[in-house]
Amino acid sequence: MADAKIDKPALFIAGSEDPVIRFTPTAKMTAVLPDLRGSIILDGAGHWIQQERVAEVNAALIDFARSLG
């Protein structure tokens, strides 16, 4: 399973202050997510971005969903 891939359209959203992004570099995500369509880092937000930046996260998710056709 070490070579498993998620072959569905994906969008990565994180806060710039989220410690998780330190050990999950976005540059390496395409190896697991070959259909990664974007990466959004919200400046100043932490780990709970959906609560910290409701409008921005919702807008990004709606735009992503619309882009799927």
C-alpha atoms as a PDB file:
ATOM      1  CA  MET A   1       0.000   0.000   0.000  1.00  0.00           C
ATOM      2  CA  ALA A   2       2.993   2.318   0.182  1.00  0.00           C
ATOM      3  CA  ASP A   3       2.520   3.136  -3.517  1.00  0.00           C
ATOM      4  CA  ALA A   4      -1.238   3.739  -3.241  1.00  0.00           C
ATOM      5  CA  LYS A   5      -2.590   6.755  -5.095  1.00  0.00           C
ATOM      6  CA  ILE A   6      -5.825   8.710  -4.911  1.00  0.00           C
ATOM      7  CA  ASP A   7      -6.853   9.134  -8.551  1.00  0.00           C
ATOM      8  CA  LYS A   8      -9.715  11.563  -7.944  1.00  0.00           C
ATOM      9  CA  PRO A   9      -9.642  15.338  -8.358  1.00  0.00           C
ATOM     10  CA  ALA A  10      -8.252  16.916  -5.198  1.00  0.00           C
ATOM     11  CA  LEU A  11      -7.750  20.342  -3.672  1.00  0.00           C
ATOM     12  CA  PHE A  12      -5.440  21.005  -0.721  1.00  0.00           C
ATOM     13  CA  ILE A  13      -6.339  23.831   1.657  1.00  0.00           C
ATOM     14  CA  ALA A  14      -4.296  24.647   4.755  1.00  0.00           C
ATOM     15  CA  GLY A  15      -3.410  27.509   7.044  1.00  0.00           C
ATOM     16  CA  SER A  16       0.101  28.922   6.964  1.00  0.00           C
ATOM     17  CA  GLU A  17       0.335  28.455  10.745  1.00  0.00           C
ATOM     18  CA  ASP A  18      -0.779  24.794  10.671  1.00  0.00           C
ATOM     19  CA  PRO A  19       2.105  22.633  11.952  1.00  0.00           C
ATOM     20  CA  VAL A  20       0.885  19.728   9.807  1.00  0.00           C
ATOM     21  CA  ILE A  21       2.145  21.391   6.614  1.00  0.00           C
ATOM     22  CA  ARG A  22       5.686  21.219   7.994  1.00  0.00           C
ATOM     23  CA  PHE A  23       5.704  17.426   7.668  1.00  0.00           C
ATOM     24  CA  THR A  24       3.357  17.215   4.686  1.00  0.00           C
ATOM     25  CA  PRO A  25       5.072  19.309   2.007  1.00  0.00           C
ATOM     26  CA  THR A  26       2.673  20.225  -0.775  1.00  0.00           C
ATOM     27  CA  ALA A  27       5.407  19.670  -3.368  1.00  0.00           C
ATOM     28  CA  LYS A  28       5.368  15.940  -2.573  1.00  0.00           C
ATOM     29  CA  MET A  29       1.588  15.546  -2.714  1.00  0.00           C
ATOM     30  CA  THR A  30       1.396  14.887  -6.441  1.00  0.00           C
ATOM     31  CA  ALA A  31       3.056  11.513  -5.888  1.00  0.00           C
ATOM     32  CA  VAL A  32      -0.045  10.414  -3.957  1.00  0.00           C
ATOM     33  CA  LEU A  33      -2.562  12.785  -5.551  1.00  0.00           C
ATOM     34  CA  PRO A  34      -1.825  12.729  -9.292  1.00  0.00           C
ATOM     35  CA  ASP A  35      -4.969  14.803  -9.981  1.00  0.00           C
ATOM     36  CA  LEU A  36      -4.175  17.518  -7.431  1.00  0.00           C
ATOM     37  CA  ARG A  37      -5.779  20.569  -8.985  1.00  0.00           C
ATOM     38  CA  GLY A  38      -4.640  23.186  -6.548  1.00  0.00           C
ATOM     39  CA  SER A  39      -3.108  24.083  -3.249  1.00  0.00           C
ATOM     40  CA  ILE A  40      -4.341  27.012  -1.187  1.00  0.00           C
ATOM     41  CA  ILE A  41      -2.447  28.223   1.870  1.00  0.00           C
ATOM     42  CA  LEU A  42      -4.427  30.758   3.908  1.00  0.00           C
ATOM     43  CA  ASP A  43      -2.031  33.235   5.467  1.00  0.00           C
ATOM     44  CA  GLY A  44      -2.246  33.441   9.249  1.00  0.00           C
ATOM     45  CA  ALA A  45      -4.709  30.559   9.645  1.00  0.00           C
ATOM     46  CA  GLY A  46      -3.993  27.508  11.766  1.00  0.00           C
ATOM     47  CA  HIS A  47      -5.105  23.889  11.687  1.00  0.00           C
ATOM     48  CA  TRP A  48      -8.866  24.478  11.951  1.00  0.00           C
ATOM     49  CA  ILE A  49      -9.204  26.577   8.805  1.00  0.00           C
ATOM     50  CA  GLN A  50     -12.840  25.669   8.234  1.00  0.00           C
ATOM     51  CA  GLN A  51     -13.674  27.447  11.502  1.00  0.00           C
ATOM     52  CA  GLU A  52     -11.081  30.215  11.245  1.00  0.00           C
ATOM     53  CA  ARG A  53     -11.745  31.221   7.632  1.00  0.00           C
ATOM     54  CA  VAL A  54     -15.276  30.050   6.875  1.00  0.00           C
ATOM     55  CA  ALA A  55     -15.937  32.289   3.885  1.00  0.00           C
ATOM     56  CA  GLU A  56     -12.579  31.645   2.201  1.00  0.00           C
ATOM     57  CA  VAL A  57     -12.736  27.878   2.656  1.00  0.00           C
ATOM     58  CA  ASN A  58     -16.345  27.700   1.449  1.00  0.00           C
ATOM     59  CA  ALA A  59     -15.534  29.841  -1.609  1.00  0.00           C
ATOM     60  CA  ALA A  60     -12.531  27.648  -2.460  1.00  0.00           C
ATOM     61  CA  LEU A  61     -14.574  24.460  -2.113  1.00  0.00           C
ATOM     62  CA  ILE A  62     -17.444  25.836  -4.208  1.00  0.00           C
ATOM     63  CA  ASP A  63     -15.031  26.997  -6.937  1.00  0.00           C
ATOM     64  CA  PHE A  64     -13.341  23.591  -6.898  1.00  0.00           C
ATOM     65  CA  ALA A  65     -16.655  21.734  -7.129  1.00  0.00           C
ATOM     66  CA  ARG A  66     -17.788  23.954  -9.994  1.00  0.00           C
ATOM     67  CA  SER A  67     -14.537  23.322 -11.858  1.00  0.00           C
ATOM     68  CA  LEU A  68     -15.337  19.603 -11.908  1.00  0.00           C
ATOM     69  CA  GLY A  69     -18.269  20.170 -14.252  1.00  0.00           C
END
